[in-house]
Amino acid sequence: MSKKIISVVMLSVLLLLSGCTGAQKIGVDTGSKTQAAAPQENQSAAEPRKEQAMKLVIEDMVVPVTWEQNASTVALQKLLPLTIKMSPYGGFEQVGSIGQSIPSEDKQLTTQYGDIVLYAGNKLVIFYGSNSWAYTRLGHIELSQQEMTALLNRDEVTVQLMTE
C-alpha cells in the first residue's frame, strides 16, 4: 500500500514540475524597490529593455537613491526634469511642491531618514528624521543620518529630479 502512495505522490510531483517548464514570467508589483523602466523608442522586441534611471540632486550633490516601482514614480518620471524649492518642516523633513498632482497610494507609514515620499498627491517630502503619517513611498536615499541631516537641516533646499 505504501508503495502505491509513494508512486502516486512522485507522479503528481513530476506532473506538477513538467507543467511549470513552459511558464512565462509575468511582471507583478511585489513592492520591491527597483527603478521603474520607461519604454524606449525604436526598440525591437528581441532587445532587452533598458531602464531609464531617475537621478536626484540635492544642492548640487547627486545622491544614491533606490526608487520604488509604483504608479507614483512612473508618473513622476514623466514630469522630468523638475527643480523643486523645498522648505523645512518639523525639524525632520523638507517639503516642496512638484507643481501638479500625480497618482498616489497613501498608507500609514513611519518614515526614517533618507525616505522620499509623496504627500497629498503633489508634494515631495525628503526625511532626515522620522515621522508617522499617510504617504506614498517613492524611494530611499542611501546615505547616513548624519549625511542626510547635513544636506537637509537648513532653511531652504533645492532638489532636482532628472533622467541620467
C-alpha atoms as a PDB file:
ATOM      1  CA  MET A   1       0.000   0.000   0.000  1.00  0.00           C
ATOM      2  CA  SER A   2       2.787   2.453   0.885  1.00  0.00           C
ATOM      3  CA  LYS A   3       4.496   1.838  -2.497  1.00  0.00           C
ATOM      4  CA  LYS A   4       1.277   2.909  -4.261  1.00  0.00           C
ATOM      5  CA  ILE A   5       1.076   6.122  -2.209  1.00  0.00           C
ATOM      6  CA  ILE A   6       4.722   6.934  -2.871  1.00  0.00           C
ATOM      7  CA  SER A   7       4.237   6.243  -6.583  1.00  0.00           C
ATOM      8  CA  VAL A   8       1.157   8.492  -6.755  1.00  0.00           C
ATOM      9  CA  VAL A   9       2.964  11.305  -4.900  1.00  0.00           C
ATOM     10  CA  MET A  10       6.047  11.023  -7.151  1.00  0.00           C
ATOM     11  CA  LEU A  11       3.871  11.013 -10.294  1.00  0.00           C
ATOM     12  CA  SER A  12       1.988  14.085  -9.031  1.00  0.00           C
ATOM     13  CA  VAL A  13       5.230  15.942  -8.351  1.00  0.00           C
ATOM     14  CA  LEU A  14       6.601  15.087 -11.807  1.00  0.00           C
ATOM     15  CA  LEU A  15       3.405  16.277 -13.481  1.00  0.00           C
ATOM     16  CA  LEU A  16       3.447  19.480 -11.471  1.00  0.00           C
ATOM     17  CA  LEU A  17       7.088  20.195 -12.328  1.00  0.00           C
ATOM     18  CA  SER A  18       6.672  19.378 -16.011  1.00  0.00           C
ATOM     19  CA  GLY A  19       3.753  21.812 -16.219  1.00  0.00           C
ATOM     20  CA  CYS A  20       5.970  24.639 -14.972  1.00  0.00           C
ATOM     21  CA  THR A  21       8.663  24.360 -17.651  1.00  0.00           C
ATOM     22  CA  GLY A  22       6.755  26.332 -20.293  1.00  0.00           C
ATOM     23  CA  ALA A  23       5.567  29.069 -17.948  1.00  0.00           C
ATOM     24  CA  GLN A  24       6.147  32.674 -18.925  1.00  0.00           C
ATOM     25  CA  LYS A  25       7.472  35.182 -16.465  1.00  0.00           C
ATOM     26  CA  ILE A  26       4.794  37.748 -15.673  1.00  0.00           C
ATOM     27  CA  GLY A  27       5.771  41.048 -14.078  1.00  0.00           C
ATOM     28  CA  VAL A  28       3.999  41.608 -10.784  1.00  0.00           C
ATOM     29  CA  ASP A  29       4.495  44.573  -8.482  1.00  0.00           C
ATOM     30  CA  THR A  30       5.696  42.999  -5.270  1.00  0.00           C
ATOM     31  CA  GLY A  31       6.600  46.290  -3.670  1.00  0.00           C
ATOM     32  CA  SER A  32      10.264  45.689  -4.387  1.00  0.00           C
ATOM     33  CA  LYS A  33      12.487  48.705  -4.529  1.00  0.00           C
ATOM     34  CA  THR A  34      13.617  48.984  -8.126  1.00  0.00           C
ATOM     35  CA  GLN A  35      13.613  51.766 -10.645  1.00  0.00           C
ATOM     36  CA  ALA A  36      10.628  51.603 -12.980  1.00  0.00           C
ATOM     37  CA  ALA A  37      11.581  51.159 -16.615  1.00  0.00           C
ATOM     38  CA  ALA A  38      10.394  53.595 -19.239  1.00  0.00           C
ATOM     39  CA  PRO A  39       9.596  52.382 -22.751  1.00  0.00           C
ATOM     40  CA  GLN A  40      12.341  53.010 -25.278  1.00  0.00           C
ATOM     41  CA  GLU A  41      11.576  54.224 -28.791  1.00  0.00           C
ATOM     42  CA  ASN A  42      12.788  52.241 -31.832  1.00  0.00           C
ATOM     43  CA  GLN A  43      13.409  49.116 -29.783  1.00  0.00           C
ATOM     44  CA  SER A  44      12.782  45.656 -31.174  1.00  0.00           C
ATOM     45  CA  ALA A  45      11.018  43.006 -29.100  1.00  0.00           C
ATOM     46  CA  ALA A  46      14.204  40.895 -29.066  1.00  0.00           C
ATOM     47  CA  GLU A  47      16.266  43.602 -27.336  1.00  0.00           C
ATOM     48  CA  PRO A  48      16.144  43.808 -23.537  1.00  0.00           C
ATOM     49  CA  ARG A  49      14.559  46.993 -22.218  1.00  0.00           C
ATOM     50  CA  LYS A  50      16.986  49.498 -20.761  1.00  0.00           C
ATOM     51  CA  GLU A  51      15.860  51.188 -17.581  1.00  0.00           C
ATOM     52  CA  GLN A  52      15.632  54.947 -17.621  1.00  0.00           C
ATOM     53  CA  ALA A  53      17.142  55.858 -14.297  1.00  0.00           C
ATOM     54  CA  MET A  54      15.897  58.808 -12.309  1.00  0.00           C
ATOM     55  CA  LYS A  55      18.610  60.903 -10.684  1.00  0.00           C
ATOM     56  CA  LEU A  56      18.158  63.041  -7.566  1.00  0.00           C
ATOM     57  CA  VAL A  57      20.413  66.032  -6.952  1.00  0.00           C
ATOM     58  CA  ILE A  58      20.269  67.864  -3.609  1.00  0.00           C
ATOM     59  CA  GLU A  59      22.114  71.206  -3.545  1.00  0.00           C
ATOM     60  CA  ASP A  60      24.387  70.160  -6.467  1.00  0.00           C
ATOM     61  CA  MET A  61      25.151  66.729  -4.938  1.00  0.00           C
ATOM     62  CA  VAL A  62      23.958  63.600  -6.745  1.00  0.00           C
ATOM     63  CA  VAL A  63      22.616  61.264  -4.071  1.00  0.00           C
ATOM     64  CA  PRO A  64      22.228  57.489  -4.376  1.00  0.00           C
ATOM     65  CA  VAL A  65      18.530  56.541  -4.426  1.00  0.00           C
ATOM     66  CA  THR A  66      16.703  53.236  -4.549  1.00  0.00           C
ATOM     67  CA  TRP A  67      13.381  54.068  -6.215  1.00  0.00           C
ATOM     68  CA  GLU A  68      10.121  52.271  -5.565  1.00  0.00           C
ATOM     69  CA  GLN A  69       8.395  50.655  -8.507  1.00  0.00           C
ATOM     70  CA  ASN A  70       4.881  52.085  -8.423  1.00  0.00           C
ATOM     71  CA  ALA A  71       2.481  54.317 -10.358  1.00  0.00           C
ATOM     72  CA  SER A  72       3.687  57.411  -8.487  1.00  0.00           C
ATOM     73  CA  THR A  73       7.341  57.039  -9.514  1.00  0.00           C
ATOM     74  CA  VAL A  74       6.293  56.312 -13.107  1.00  0.00           C
ATOM     75  CA  ALA A  75       4.166  59.490 -13.145  1.00  0.00           C
ATOM     76  CA  LEU A  76       6.975  61.470 -11.515  1.00  0.00           C
ATOM     77  CA  GLN A  77       9.404  60.321 -14.229  1.00  0.00           C
ATOM     78  CA  LYS A  78       7.066  61.714 -16.878  1.00  0.00           C
ATOM     79  CA  LEU A  79       7.440  65.194 -15.316  1.00  0.00           C
ATOM     80  CA  LEU A  80      11.235  65.241 -15.541  1.00  0.00           C
ATOM     81  CA  PRO A  81      13.264  67.350 -15.383  1.00  0.00           C
ATOM     82  CA  LEU A  82      11.980  69.006 -12.211  1.00  0.00           C
ATOM     83  CA  THR A  83      13.536  71.584  -9.919  1.00  0.00           C
ATOM     84  CA  ILE A  84      11.836  71.843  -6.537  1.00  0.00           C
ATOM     85  CA  LYS A  85      12.411  74.504  -3.885  1.00  0.00           C
ATOM     86  CA  MET A  86      11.891  72.803  -0.547  1.00  0.00           C
ATOM     87  CA  SER A  87      11.217  74.207   2.911  1.00  0.00           C
ATOM     88  CA  PRO A  88      11.866  72.624   6.306  1.00  0.00           C
ATOM     89  CA  TYR A  89       9.016  71.274   8.383  1.00  0.00           C
ATOM     90  CA  GLY A  90       9.106  69.993  11.941  1.00  0.00           C
ATOM     91  CA  GLY A  91      12.885  69.700  12.153  1.00  0.00           C
ATOM     92  CA  PHE A  92      12.874  66.308  10.408  1.00  0.00           C
ATOM     93  CA  GLU A  93      11.866  66.834   6.756  1.00  0.00           C
ATOM     94  CA  GLN A  94      11.997  69.080   3.700  1.00  0.00           C
ATOM     95  CA  VAL A  95       8.781  69.596   1.685  1.00  0.00           C
ATOM     96  CA  GLY A  96       8.259  71.024  -1.797  1.00  0.00           C
ATOM     97  CA  SER A  97       5.542  71.130  -4.426  1.00  0.00           C
ATOM     98  CA  ILE A  98       6.014  69.146  -7.639  1.00  0.00           C
ATOM     99  CA  GLY A  99       3.605  71.529  -9.398  1.00  0.00           C
ATOM    100  CA  GLN A 100       0.747  69.120 -10.074  1.00  0.00           C
ATOM    101  CA  SER A 101      -0.942  66.047  -8.648  1.00  0.00           C
ATOM    102  CA  ILE A 102       0.186  62.557  -9.581  1.00  0.00           C
ATOM    103  CA  PRO A 103      -1.316  59.160  -8.646  1.00  0.00           C
ATOM    104  CA  SER A 104      -0.850  58.251  -5.004  1.00  0.00           C
ATOM    105  CA  GLU A 105      -1.482  55.227  -2.826  1.00  0.00           C
ATOM    106  CA  ASP A 106      -1.205  56.761   0.618  1.00  0.00           C
ATOM    107  CA  LYS A 107      -0.694  54.352   3.503  1.00  0.00           C
ATOM    108  CA  GLN A 108       0.064  54.994   7.135  1.00  0.00           C
ATOM    109  CA  LEU A 109       3.871  54.893   7.340  1.00  0.00           C
ATOM    110  CA  THR A 110       6.571  55.592   9.853  1.00  0.00           C
ATOM    111  CA  THR A 111       9.354  57.182   7.852  1.00  0.00           C
ATOM    112  CA  GLN A 112      13.073  57.117   8.554  1.00  0.00           C
ATOM    113  CA  TYR A 113      15.942  59.356   7.484  1.00  0.00           C
ATOM    114  CA  GLY A 114      16.516  59.071   3.736  1.00  0.00           C
ATOM    115  CA  ASP A 115      12.904  58.233   2.874  1.00  0.00           C
ATOM    116  CA  ILE A 116      11.385  60.040  -0.109  1.00  0.00           C
ATOM    117  CA  VAL A 117       7.586  60.165  -0.135  1.00  0.00           C
ATOM    118  CA  LEU A 118       4.677  61.800  -1.891  1.00  0.00           C
ATOM    119  CA  TYR A 119       2.350  63.790   0.358  1.00  0.00           C
ATOM    120  CA  ALA A 120      -1.160  64.906  -0.656  1.00  0.00           C
ATOM    121  CA  GLY A 121      -0.506  63.744  -4.221  1.00  0.00           C
ATOM    122  CA  ASN A 122       1.518  66.840  -5.137  1.00  0.00           C
ATOM    123  CA  LYS A 123       4.334  67.349  -2.620  1.00  0.00           C
ATOM    124  CA  LEU A 124       7.723  65.708  -2.467  1.00  0.00           C
ATOM    125  CA  VAL A 125       8.985  65.089   1.067  1.00  0.00           C
ATOM    126  CA  ILE A 126      12.522  64.029   1.967  1.00  0.00           C
ATOM    127  CA  PHE A 127      13.218  62.979   5.561  1.00  0.00           C
ATOM    128  CA  TYR A 128      16.308  63.434   7.685  1.00  0.00           C
ATOM    129  CA  GLY A 129      14.363  62.334  10.769  1.00  0.00           C
ATOM    130  CA  SER A 130      11.245  60.266  11.370  1.00  0.00           C
ATOM    131  CA  ASN A 131       7.501  60.867  11.191  1.00  0.00           C
ATOM    132  CA  SER A 132       4.320  58.832  11.051  1.00  0.00           C
ATOM    133  CA  TRP A 133       1.621  59.855   8.562  1.00  0.00           C
ATOM    134  CA  ALA A 134      -0.182  58.706   5.416  1.00  0.00           C
ATOM    135  CA  TYR A 135       2.264  58.879   2.486  1.00  0.00           C
ATOM    136  CA  THR A 136       3.089  57.136  -0.780  1.00  0.00           C
ATOM    137  CA  ARG A 137       6.634  55.737  -0.820  1.00  0.00           C
ATOM    138  CA  LEU A 138       8.775  56.950  -3.720  1.00  0.00           C
ATOM    139  CA  GLY A 139      12.266  55.882  -2.722  1.00  0.00           C
ATOM    140  CA  HIS A 140      15.065  55.903  -0.205  1.00  0.00           C
ATOM    141  CA  ILE A 141      18.346  57.843  -0.228  1.00  0.00           C
ATOM    142  CA  GLU A 142      21.266  55.599   0.681  1.00  0.00           C
ATOM    143  CA  LEU A 143      23.133  57.988   2.994  1.00  0.00           C
ATOM    144  CA  SER A 144      23.735  58.000   6.744  1.00  0.00           C
ATOM    145  CA  GLN A 145      21.556  60.013   9.101  1.00  0.00           C
ATOM    146  CA  GLN A 146      24.422  62.440   9.655  1.00  0.00           C
ATOM    147  CA  GLU A 147      24.831  62.980   5.910  1.00  0.00           C
ATOM    148  CA  MET A 148      21.068  63.445   5.459  1.00  0.00           C
ATOM    149  CA  THR A 149      20.939  65.969   8.311  1.00  0.00           C
ATOM    150  CA  ALA A 150      23.892  67.927   6.898  1.00  0.00           C
ATOM    151  CA  LEU A 151      22.183  68.099   3.477  1.00  0.00           C
ATOM    152  CA  LEU A 152      18.663  68.937   4.636  1.00  0.00           C
ATOM    153  CA  ASN A 153      18.709  70.681   8.013  1.00  0.00           C
ATOM    154  CA  ARG A 154      18.608  74.238   6.633  1.00  0.00           C
ATOM    155  CA  ASP A 155      16.111  76.941   5.717  1.00  0.00           C
ATOM    156  CA  GLU A 156      15.758  76.162   2.032  1.00  0.00           C
ATOM    157  CA  VAL A 157      16.917  73.260  -0.128  1.00  0.00           C
ATOM    158  CA  THR A 158      16.800  72.921  -3.893  1.00  0.00           C
ATOM    159  CA  VAL A 159      16.404  69.468  -5.360  1.00  0.00           C
ATOM    160  CA  GLN A 160      16.478  68.412  -8.966  1.00  0.00           C
ATOM    161  CA  LEU A 161      14.991  65.266 -10.457  1.00  0.00           C
ATOM    162  CA  MET A 162      16.246  64.309 -13.901  1.00  0.00           C
ATOM    163  CA  THR A 163      16.962  61.336 -16.098  1.00  0.00           C
ATOM    164  CA  GLU A 164      20.503  60.016 -16.187  1.00  0.00           C
END
